[in-house]
N, C-alpha and C. Protein backbone atom coordinates (compact mmCIF):
# COMPACT_ATOMS: atom_id res chain seq x y z
N MET A 1 -35.38 -17.80 46.18
CA MET A 1 -35.78 -16.92 45.16
C MET A 1 -35.33 -15.52 45.50
N THR A 2 -34.70 -14.82 44.59
CA THR A 2 -34.25 -13.45 44.84
C THR A 2 -35.26 -12.52 44.21
N SER A 3 -35.46 -11.46 44.88
CA SER A 3 -36.39 -10.42 44.24
C SER A 3 -35.62 -9.51 43.36
N ALA A 4 -36.30 -8.97 42.41
CA ALA A 4 -35.69 -8.02 41.48
C ALA A 4 -35.39 -6.70 42.25
N PRO A 5 -34.27 -6.07 41.79
CA PRO A 5 -33.93 -4.84 42.50
C PRO A 5 -35.03 -3.80 42.27
N ALA A 6 -35.19 -2.93 43.26
CA ALA A 6 -36.20 -1.88 43.15
C ALA A 6 -35.82 -0.94 42.00
N ALA A 7 -36.82 -0.52 41.33
CA ALA A 7 -36.58 0.38 40.14
C ALA A 7 -36.05 1.70 40.72
N THR A 8 -35.08 2.26 40.01
CA THR A 8 -34.57 3.59 40.43
C THR A 8 -35.24 4.61 39.58
N PRO A 9 -35.88 5.56 40.33
CA PRO A 9 -36.49 6.69 39.54
C PRO A 9 -35.53 7.38 38.64
N ALA A 10 -35.95 7.66 37.44
CA ALA A 10 -35.05 8.25 36.44
C ALA A 10 -34.81 9.76 36.84
N LEU A 11 -33.68 10.22 36.40
CA LEU A 11 -33.37 11.62 36.57
C LEU A 11 -33.78 12.28 35.27
N SER A 12 -34.10 13.57 35.41
CA SER A 12 -34.44 14.38 34.23
C SER A 12 -33.63 15.67 34.41
N VAL A 13 -33.24 16.25 33.25
CA VAL A 13 -32.43 17.52 33.20
C VAL A 13 -33.33 18.55 32.52
N ARG A 14 -33.39 19.74 33.13
CA ARG A 14 -34.16 20.84 32.54
C ARG A 14 -33.39 22.12 32.78
N PRO A 15 -33.77 23.20 32.03
CA PRO A 15 -33.21 24.52 32.38
C PRO A 15 -33.63 24.94 33.74
N ARG A 16 -32.68 25.60 34.48
CA ARG A 16 -32.90 26.11 35.77
C ARG A 16 -33.75 27.33 35.65
N VAL A 17 -34.73 27.57 36.55
CA VAL A 17 -35.54 28.74 36.63
C VAL A 17 -35.28 29.43 37.93
N PRO A 18 -35.54 30.72 38.09
CA PRO A 18 -35.26 31.43 39.31
C PRO A 18 -35.88 30.74 40.58
N ALA A 19 -37.02 30.21 40.45
CA ALA A 19 -37.65 29.52 41.59
C ALA A 19 -36.93 28.26 42.09
N ASP A 20 -35.96 27.80 41.32
CA ASP A 20 -35.14 26.62 41.71
C ASP A 20 -33.99 26.92 42.64
N LEU A 21 -33.63 28.19 42.78
CA LEU A 21 -32.43 28.52 43.50
C LEU A 21 -32.36 28.04 44.97
N ASP A 22 -33.46 28.17 45.67
CA ASP A 22 -33.42 27.69 47.10
C ASP A 22 -33.16 26.20 47.12
N ASP A 23 -33.79 25.42 46.30
CA ASP A 23 -33.60 23.97 46.22
C ASP A 23 -32.18 23.61 45.77
N CYS A 24 -31.64 24.48 44.85
CA CYS A 24 -30.24 24.23 44.37
C CYS A 24 -29.31 24.47 45.57
N VAL A 25 -29.51 25.52 46.34
CA VAL A 25 -28.64 25.84 47.54
C VAL A 25 -28.75 24.64 48.53
N ASP A 26 -30.00 24.13 48.73
CA ASP A 26 -30.11 23.00 49.63
C ASP A 26 -29.29 21.78 49.18
N ALA A 27 -29.39 21.45 47.89
CA ALA A 27 -28.62 20.41 47.28
C ALA A 27 -27.06 20.65 47.38
N LEU A 28 -26.70 21.92 47.18
CA LEU A 28 -25.29 22.27 47.25
C LEU A 28 -24.76 22.11 48.68
N ALA A 29 -25.58 22.46 49.64
CA ALA A 29 -25.23 22.27 51.12
C ALA A 29 -24.97 20.80 51.39
N LEU A 30 -25.76 19.86 50.85
CA LEU A 30 -25.55 18.48 51.10
C LEU A 30 -24.21 18.07 50.45
N VAL A 31 -23.96 18.52 49.22
CA VAL A 31 -22.71 18.22 48.55
C VAL A 31 -21.49 18.74 49.32
N HIS A 32 -21.65 19.98 49.80
CA HIS A 32 -20.51 20.59 50.58
C HIS A 32 -20.22 19.76 51.84
N ALA A 33 -21.25 19.35 52.57
CA ALA A 33 -21.07 18.58 53.80
C ALA A 33 -20.48 17.23 53.45
N HIS A 34 -20.89 16.63 52.39
CA HIS A 34 -20.44 15.27 52.01
C HIS A 34 -19.08 15.25 51.32
N SER A 35 -18.91 16.13 50.45
CA SER A 35 -17.73 16.08 49.54
C SER A 35 -16.79 17.31 49.55
N GLY A 36 -17.14 18.34 50.27
CA GLY A 36 -16.29 19.54 50.37
C GLY A 36 -16.34 20.42 49.14
N TYR A 37 -17.37 20.33 48.32
CA TYR A 37 -17.54 21.22 47.18
C TYR A 37 -18.69 22.16 47.44
N PRO A 38 -18.54 23.44 47.24
CA PRO A 38 -17.28 24.06 46.95
C PRO A 38 -16.34 24.11 48.11
N VAL A 39 -15.06 24.21 47.81
CA VAL A 39 -14.00 24.22 48.88
C VAL A 39 -14.36 25.23 49.88
N ASN A 40 -14.64 26.47 49.47
CA ASN A 40 -15.00 27.57 50.35
C ASN A 40 -16.47 27.87 50.20
N TRP A 41 -17.24 27.64 51.27
CA TRP A 41 -18.70 27.86 51.23
C TRP A 41 -18.96 29.33 50.92
N PRO A 42 -19.72 29.68 49.93
CA PRO A 42 -19.96 31.06 49.59
C PRO A 42 -20.86 31.79 50.61
N ALA A 43 -20.60 33.08 50.85
CA ALA A 43 -21.44 33.82 51.74
C ALA A 43 -22.83 33.96 51.25
N GLU A 44 -23.02 34.07 49.92
CA GLU A 44 -24.36 34.05 49.34
C GLU A 44 -24.43 32.94 48.26
N PRO A 45 -24.81 31.75 48.70
CA PRO A 45 -24.81 30.59 47.83
C PRO A 45 -25.63 30.81 46.50
N ALA A 46 -26.79 31.40 46.60
CA ALA A 46 -27.66 31.61 45.45
C ALA A 46 -26.99 32.55 44.44
N ALA A 47 -26.27 33.56 44.95
CA ALA A 47 -25.56 34.47 44.09
C ALA A 47 -24.36 33.73 43.45
N TRP A 48 -23.72 32.83 44.24
CA TRP A 48 -22.60 32.04 43.74
C TRP A 48 -23.03 31.17 42.52
N LEU A 49 -24.31 30.64 42.63
CA LEU A 49 -24.84 29.80 41.54
C LEU A 49 -25.26 30.64 40.36
N THR A 50 -25.29 31.94 40.50
CA THR A 50 -25.74 32.84 39.40
C THR A 50 -24.65 33.91 39.22
N PRO A 51 -23.46 33.51 38.76
CA PRO A 51 -22.44 34.56 38.60
C PRO A 51 -22.78 35.54 37.45
N PRO A 52 -22.16 36.69 37.43
CA PRO A 52 -22.47 37.64 36.36
C PRO A 52 -22.16 37.11 34.97
N ALA A 53 -21.23 36.16 34.80
CA ALA A 53 -20.84 35.64 33.50
C ALA A 53 -21.78 34.49 33.05
N LEU A 54 -22.81 34.18 33.81
CA LEU A 54 -23.72 33.05 33.51
C LEU A 54 -24.41 33.23 32.16
N LEU A 55 -24.33 32.14 31.33
CA LEU A 55 -25.03 32.09 30.04
C LEU A 55 -26.29 31.21 30.19
N ALA A 56 -26.19 30.10 30.90
CA ALA A 56 -27.25 29.15 31.03
C ALA A 56 -27.00 28.25 32.23
N ALA A 57 -28.08 27.70 32.78
CA ALA A 57 -27.91 26.72 33.90
C ALA A 57 -29.01 25.70 33.77
N TRP A 58 -28.72 24.53 34.30
CA TRP A 58 -29.65 23.37 34.31
C TRP A 58 -29.69 22.74 35.68
N VAL A 59 -30.78 22.04 35.93
CA VAL A 59 -30.85 21.24 37.15
C VAL A 59 -31.24 19.76 36.75
N ALA A 60 -30.82 18.84 37.60
CA ALA A 60 -31.23 17.48 37.47
C ALA A 60 -32.24 17.25 38.57
N GLU A 61 -33.33 16.54 38.20
CA GLU A 61 -34.38 16.30 39.17
C GLU A 61 -34.61 14.77 39.26
N ARG A 62 -34.96 14.38 40.46
CA ARG A 62 -35.38 12.96 40.75
C ARG A 62 -36.52 13.05 41.70
N ASP A 63 -37.60 12.39 41.33
CA ASP A 63 -38.81 12.40 42.16
C ASP A 63 -39.26 13.88 42.51
N GLY A 64 -39.07 14.80 41.57
CA GLY A 64 -39.52 16.15 41.75
C GLY A 64 -38.58 16.96 42.61
N ARG A 65 -37.44 16.43 43.04
CA ARG A 65 -36.47 17.17 43.86
C ARG A 65 -35.25 17.48 43.01
N ILE A 66 -34.69 18.61 43.21
CA ILE A 66 -33.45 19.00 42.56
C ILE A 66 -32.29 18.29 43.26
N VAL A 67 -31.51 17.52 42.39
CA VAL A 67 -30.44 16.71 42.99
C VAL A 67 -29.11 16.99 42.17
N GLY A 68 -29.10 17.95 41.26
CA GLY A 68 -27.95 18.31 40.55
C GLY A 68 -28.09 19.59 39.86
N HIS A 69 -26.91 20.17 39.46
CA HIS A 69 -26.83 21.51 38.86
C HIS A 69 -25.63 21.63 37.98
N ALA A 70 -25.73 22.40 36.93
CA ALA A 70 -24.56 22.70 36.10
C ALA A 70 -24.76 24.13 35.49
N ALA A 71 -23.74 24.85 35.29
CA ALA A 71 -23.80 26.22 34.68
C ALA A 71 -22.85 26.31 33.55
N LEU A 72 -23.13 27.17 32.62
CA LEU A 72 -22.26 27.49 31.53
C LEU A 72 -22.00 29.00 31.61
N CYS A 73 -20.72 29.42 31.71
CA CYS A 73 -20.34 30.75 31.94
C CYS A 73 -19.27 31.24 30.97
N ARG A 74 -19.39 32.50 30.50
CA ARG A 74 -18.30 33.06 29.76
C ARG A 74 -16.97 32.94 30.53
N GLY A 75 -15.89 32.64 29.79
CA GLY A 75 -14.58 32.63 30.41
C GLY A 75 -14.22 34.10 30.71
N GLU A 76 -13.73 34.25 31.94
CA GLU A 76 -13.34 35.57 32.43
C GLU A 76 -11.85 35.66 32.64
N ASP A 77 -11.33 36.86 32.82
CA ASP A 77 -9.90 37.02 33.09
C ASP A 77 -9.56 36.21 34.32
N GLY A 78 -8.46 35.41 34.26
CA GLY A 78 -8.10 34.68 35.42
C GLY A 78 -8.65 33.25 35.41
N ASP A 79 -9.52 32.91 34.45
CA ASP A 79 -10.07 31.57 34.41
C ASP A 79 -8.96 30.70 33.77
N PRO A 80 -8.39 29.75 34.57
CA PRO A 80 -7.23 28.99 34.09
C PRO A 80 -7.56 28.10 32.92
N ALA A 81 -8.70 27.39 32.96
CA ALA A 81 -9.00 26.48 31.79
C ALA A 81 -9.12 27.21 30.48
N ALA A 82 -9.84 28.37 30.54
CA ALA A 82 -10.01 29.22 29.33
C ALA A 82 -8.68 29.73 28.85
N GLN A 83 -7.78 30.07 29.79
CA GLN A 83 -6.49 30.61 29.39
C GLN A 83 -5.64 29.51 28.75
N LEU A 84 -5.68 28.29 29.34
CA LEU A 84 -4.88 27.20 28.73
C LEU A 84 -5.42 26.81 27.38
N TRP A 85 -6.75 26.88 27.21
CA TRP A 85 -7.35 26.53 25.89
C TRP A 85 -6.94 27.61 24.83
N ALA A 86 -6.97 28.82 25.25
CA ALA A 86 -6.58 29.90 24.31
C ALA A 86 -5.09 29.81 23.92
N ALA A 87 -4.26 29.47 24.91
CA ALA A 87 -2.80 29.32 24.66
C ALA A 87 -2.56 28.22 23.65
N ARG A 88 -3.39 27.19 23.65
CA ARG A 88 -3.23 26.09 22.64
C ARG A 88 -3.55 26.47 21.20
N GLY A 89 -4.19 27.65 21.10
CA GLY A 89 -4.63 28.09 19.79
C GLY A 89 -5.75 27.28 19.23
N GLY A 90 -6.72 26.93 20.05
CA GLY A 90 -7.81 26.07 19.58
C GLY A 90 -8.64 26.72 18.52
N GLY A 91 -8.58 28.05 18.40
CA GLY A 91 -9.41 28.76 17.39
C GLY A 91 -10.77 29.01 17.79
N VAL A 92 -11.41 28.07 18.47
CA VAL A 92 -12.82 28.30 18.95
C VAL A 92 -12.73 28.86 20.33
N PRO A 93 -13.40 29.98 20.63
CA PRO A 93 -13.35 30.61 21.97
C PRO A 93 -13.95 29.61 22.99
N ALA A 94 -13.36 29.66 24.22
CA ALA A 94 -13.76 28.79 25.31
C ALA A 94 -14.96 29.39 26.04
N VAL A 95 -15.70 28.47 26.62
CA VAL A 95 -16.78 28.80 27.53
C VAL A 95 -16.64 27.73 28.75
N CYS A 96 -16.94 28.19 29.95
CA CYS A 96 -16.67 27.37 31.14
C CYS A 96 -17.89 26.64 31.65
N VAL A 97 -17.73 25.33 31.89
CA VAL A 97 -18.75 24.62 32.59
C VAL A 97 -18.33 24.71 34.00
N ASN A 98 -19.26 25.13 34.87
CA ASN A 98 -18.92 25.20 36.30
C ASN A 98 -20.21 25.07 37.11
N ARG A 99 -20.04 25.14 38.45
CA ARG A 99 -21.07 25.01 39.42
C ARG A 99 -21.79 23.63 39.23
N LEU A 100 -21.00 22.66 38.80
CA LEU A 100 -21.54 21.27 38.56
C LEU A 100 -21.44 20.46 39.85
N PHE A 101 -22.61 19.98 40.22
CA PHE A 101 -22.67 19.06 41.44
C PHE A 101 -23.89 18.12 41.30
N VAL A 102 -23.75 17.03 41.97
CA VAL A 102 -24.86 16.06 42.09
C VAL A 102 -24.93 15.66 43.56
N ALA A 103 -26.10 15.74 44.12
CA ALA A 103 -26.32 15.32 45.57
C ALA A 103 -25.88 13.88 45.79
N PRO A 104 -25.31 13.63 46.99
CA PRO A 104 -24.79 12.30 47.24
C PRO A 104 -25.78 11.16 46.96
N GLU A 105 -27.11 11.35 47.31
CA GLU A 105 -28.04 10.23 47.17
C GLU A 105 -28.35 10.02 45.66
N ALA A 106 -27.91 10.86 44.74
CA ALA A 106 -28.27 10.73 43.36
C ALA A 106 -27.01 10.35 42.53
N ARG A 107 -25.93 10.18 43.15
CA ARG A 107 -24.69 9.84 42.40
C ARG A 107 -24.82 8.44 41.78
N GLY A 108 -24.24 8.26 40.64
CA GLY A 108 -24.27 6.97 39.99
C GLY A 108 -25.47 6.74 39.16
N LEU A 109 -26.33 7.74 39.03
CA LEU A 109 -27.60 7.53 38.27
C LEU A 109 -27.51 8.26 36.93
N GLY A 110 -26.36 8.82 36.56
CA GLY A 110 -26.27 9.43 35.30
C GLY A 110 -26.54 10.92 35.19
N GLY A 111 -26.83 11.56 36.34
CA GLY A 111 -27.14 12.99 36.37
C GLY A 111 -26.00 13.81 36.04
N GLY A 112 -24.79 13.53 36.52
CA GLY A 112 -23.67 14.35 36.19
C GLY A 112 -23.35 14.35 34.68
N ALA A 113 -23.43 13.17 34.09
CA ALA A 113 -23.13 12.99 32.67
C ALA A 113 -24.25 13.73 31.83
N ALA A 114 -25.49 13.59 32.29
CA ALA A 114 -26.60 14.29 31.60
C ALA A 114 -26.40 15.81 31.64
N LEU A 115 -26.07 16.31 32.81
CA LEU A 115 -25.86 17.78 32.94
C LEU A 115 -24.67 18.21 32.06
N MET A 116 -23.59 17.44 32.00
CA MET A 116 -22.47 17.77 31.18
C MET A 116 -22.85 17.74 29.68
N GLU A 117 -23.66 16.76 29.32
CA GLU A 117 -24.03 16.62 27.94
C GLU A 117 -24.87 17.89 27.54
N ARG A 118 -25.78 18.35 28.42
CA ARG A 118 -26.57 19.49 28.12
C ARG A 118 -25.71 20.76 28.00
N ALA A 119 -24.72 20.92 28.94
CA ALA A 119 -23.83 22.10 28.87
C ALA A 119 -22.99 22.08 27.57
N VAL A 120 -22.41 20.93 27.27
CA VAL A 120 -21.59 20.79 26.04
C VAL A 120 -22.43 21.16 24.79
N ALA A 121 -23.64 20.60 24.70
CA ALA A 121 -24.49 20.89 23.51
C ALA A 121 -24.80 22.37 23.47
N GLN A 122 -25.08 23.00 24.53
CA GLN A 122 -25.36 24.47 24.53
C GLN A 122 -24.13 25.24 24.11
N ALA A 123 -22.94 24.87 24.64
CA ALA A 123 -21.71 25.54 24.24
C ALA A 123 -21.47 25.45 22.75
N ARG A 124 -21.71 24.20 22.23
CA ARG A 124 -21.45 24.04 20.81
C ARG A 124 -22.37 24.74 19.96
N SER A 125 -23.67 24.85 20.42
CA SER A 125 -24.71 25.54 19.64
C SER A 125 -24.35 27.05 19.62
N ARG A 126 -23.51 27.52 20.49
CA ARG A 126 -23.10 28.93 20.56
C ARG A 126 -21.78 29.11 19.81
N GLY A 127 -21.24 28.05 19.24
CA GLY A 127 -19.93 28.12 18.58
C GLY A 127 -18.77 28.25 19.51
N LEU A 128 -18.91 27.74 20.75
CA LEU A 128 -17.90 27.86 21.76
C LEU A 128 -17.39 26.44 22.16
N HIS A 129 -16.20 26.37 22.71
CA HIS A 129 -15.69 25.09 23.16
C HIS A 129 -15.69 25.00 24.70
N PRO A 130 -16.29 24.03 25.23
CA PRO A 130 -16.43 23.92 26.75
C PRO A 130 -15.12 23.46 27.37
N VAL A 131 -14.77 24.17 28.49
CA VAL A 131 -13.65 23.88 29.31
C VAL A 131 -14.07 23.88 30.77
N LEU A 132 -13.25 23.36 31.64
CA LEU A 132 -13.54 23.45 33.07
C LEU A 132 -12.34 23.23 33.86
N ASP A 133 -12.40 23.65 35.14
CA ASP A 133 -11.28 23.30 36.05
C ASP A 133 -11.91 22.69 37.31
N VAL A 134 -11.08 21.83 37.97
CA VAL A 134 -11.52 21.15 39.21
C VAL A 134 -10.31 21.10 40.10
N VAL A 135 -10.56 21.19 41.42
CA VAL A 135 -9.41 21.03 42.38
C VAL A 135 -8.74 19.73 42.10
N ALA A 136 -7.41 19.79 41.99
CA ALA A 136 -6.64 18.66 41.55
C ALA A 136 -6.90 17.40 42.35
N ALA A 137 -7.07 17.56 43.61
CA ALA A 137 -7.32 16.36 44.52
C ALA A 137 -8.79 15.84 44.47
N ASP A 138 -9.66 16.57 43.75
CA ASP A 138 -11.06 16.15 43.74
C ASP A 138 -11.27 14.92 42.84
N PRO A 139 -11.97 13.89 43.41
CA PRO A 139 -12.28 12.70 42.58
C PRO A 139 -13.04 13.00 41.31
N ALA A 140 -13.65 14.15 41.18
CA ALA A 140 -14.40 14.47 39.99
C ALA A 140 -13.48 14.55 38.78
N ALA A 141 -12.18 14.77 38.92
CA ALA A 141 -11.27 14.78 37.85
C ALA A 141 -11.32 13.44 37.05
N ALA A 142 -11.48 12.35 37.74
CA ALA A 142 -11.59 11.05 37.10
C ALA A 142 -12.91 10.92 36.28
N PHE A 143 -13.94 11.54 36.80
CA PHE A 143 -15.27 11.53 36.08
C PHE A 143 -15.09 12.29 34.80
N TYR A 144 -14.46 13.44 34.76
CA TYR A 144 -14.21 14.15 33.47
C TYR A 144 -13.43 13.33 32.47
N ALA A 145 -12.36 12.68 33.00
CA ALA A 145 -11.53 11.81 32.14
C ALA A 145 -12.39 10.69 31.52
N ARG A 146 -13.28 10.06 32.34
CA ARG A 146 -14.17 9.00 31.79
C ARG A 146 -15.06 9.49 30.71
N LEU A 147 -15.44 10.77 30.84
CA LEU A 147 -16.32 11.36 29.79
C LEU A 147 -15.48 11.76 28.52
N GLY A 148 -14.19 11.57 28.54
CA GLY A 148 -13.39 11.84 27.35
C GLY A 148 -12.83 13.25 27.37
N TRP A 149 -12.93 14.03 28.46
CA TRP A 149 -12.39 15.33 28.48
C TRP A 149 -10.83 15.25 28.44
N GLN A 150 -10.28 16.21 27.74
CA GLN A 150 -8.79 16.23 27.60
C GLN A 150 -8.14 17.08 28.68
N HIS A 151 -7.18 16.56 29.35
CA HIS A 151 -6.44 17.23 30.42
C HIS A 151 -5.57 18.34 29.80
N LEU A 152 -5.74 19.60 30.15
CA LEU A 152 -4.99 20.67 29.54
C LEU A 152 -3.77 21.02 30.44
N GLY A 153 -3.81 20.75 31.68
CA GLY A 153 -2.72 21.10 32.59
C GLY A 153 -3.19 21.32 33.98
N ILE A 154 -2.22 21.66 34.86
CA ILE A 154 -2.50 21.97 36.25
C ILE A 154 -1.97 23.39 36.53
N VAL A 155 -2.84 24.14 37.20
CA VAL A 155 -2.54 25.55 37.44
C VAL A 155 -2.77 25.71 38.91
N ASP A 156 -1.78 26.49 39.56
CA ASP A 156 -1.93 26.90 40.96
C ASP A 156 -2.65 28.24 41.02
N GLN A 157 -3.64 28.40 41.76
CA GLN A 157 -4.38 29.66 41.86
C GLN A 157 -4.61 30.09 43.30
N ARG A 158 -4.45 31.38 43.57
CA ARG A 158 -4.61 31.89 44.95
C ARG A 158 -6.10 32.20 45.14
N TRP A 159 -6.70 31.56 46.13
CA TRP A 159 -8.11 31.75 46.45
C TRP A 159 -8.36 32.61 47.72
N GLY A 160 -7.32 33.01 48.32
CA GLY A 160 -7.42 33.86 49.50
C GLY A 160 -6.11 33.99 50.20
N PRO A 161 -6.04 34.69 51.27
CA PRO A 161 -4.79 34.84 52.04
C PRO A 161 -4.25 33.46 52.51
N GLY A 162 -3.09 33.07 51.95
CA GLY A 162 -2.49 31.85 52.34
C GLY A 162 -3.11 30.57 51.74
N GLN A 163 -4.04 30.78 50.82
CA GLN A 163 -4.77 29.63 50.27
C GLN A 163 -4.41 29.49 48.76
N VAL A 164 -3.51 28.59 48.44
CA VAL A 164 -3.19 28.34 47.00
C VAL A 164 -3.76 27.00 46.69
N VAL A 165 -4.54 26.88 45.59
CA VAL A 165 -5.18 25.63 45.23
C VAL A 165 -4.70 25.23 43.85
N SER A 166 -4.35 23.93 43.72
CA SER A 166 -4.00 23.40 42.43
C SER A 166 -5.25 22.93 41.73
N LEU A 167 -5.41 23.38 40.46
CA LEU A 167 -6.56 23.08 39.67
C LEU A 167 -6.16 22.23 38.42
N ARG A 168 -6.91 21.18 38.17
CA ARG A 168 -6.75 20.48 36.93
C ARG A 168 -7.69 21.07 35.88
N CYS A 169 -7.20 21.40 34.73
CA CYS A 169 -8.01 22.01 33.73
C CYS A 169 -8.22 21.01 32.60
N PHE A 170 -9.50 21.00 32.06
CA PHE A 170 -9.91 20.09 31.04
C PHE A 170 -10.68 20.82 29.90
N ALA A 171 -10.60 20.19 28.76
CA ALA A 171 -11.43 20.67 27.59
C ALA A 171 -12.24 19.50 27.15
N ALA A 172 -13.45 19.85 26.66
CA ALA A 172 -14.33 18.78 26.12
C ALA A 172 -13.69 18.16 24.92
N PRO A 173 -14.00 16.87 24.68
CA PRO A 173 -13.52 16.28 23.48
C PRO A 173 -13.97 17.00 22.24
N GLU A 174 -13.19 16.96 21.19
CA GLU A 174 -13.60 17.60 19.95
C GLU A 174 -14.85 16.89 19.41
N PRO A 175 -15.71 17.64 18.81
CA PRO A 175 -16.92 17.01 18.29
C PRO A 175 -16.53 16.06 17.18
N ALA A 176 -17.29 14.94 17.06
CA ALA A 176 -17.00 13.94 16.02
C ALA A 176 -17.33 14.62 14.65
N VAL A 177 -16.47 14.29 13.70
CA VAL A 177 -16.59 14.77 12.38
C VAL A 177 -17.54 13.76 11.60
N ARG A 178 -18.58 14.33 11.01
CA ARG A 178 -19.53 13.46 10.32
C ARG A 178 -19.12 13.45 8.83
N THR A 179 -19.14 12.21 8.28
CA THR A 179 -18.85 12.01 6.92
C THR A 179 -20.00 11.47 6.13
N GLY A 180 -20.01 11.68 4.96
CA GLY A 180 -20.91 11.15 4.05
C GLY A 180 -22.26 11.27 3.83
């Protein structure tokens, strides 16, 4: 007789509050050690998670612990995904989904997709089209493709002296048109 698999505690997604930042940094440190994201560890990780262009941010929780994060930020000069979207003449201004990560122990539980869904919904409620970029070699590019995000192109960007990084840029799928 085989036993039933143990129940996996559900993830929940909610808006990030200032008191969450220390726990977000702890989760980000685990992701950095496991997966190398972000490529360059920020001198002030809490500030990195709260850039000046921030519009909204969310956390994913499991068992009362923060295990994921996503942010929505205004596209700024030099943001390659926003530039590629604008060059296509999409008509709707772009907004960037970034600072997205899920702790290694919570991967595969739907947290990344739930965070993306929340960010996309918020972008659309603001009349904006979500875009993002990811290091070209990062396996997360396959995740965005599975979610139906459209590949806009690859851009090389200088991140520091002697550091040129290739980025894959994506745009969220167009919203479904409702009929009838």
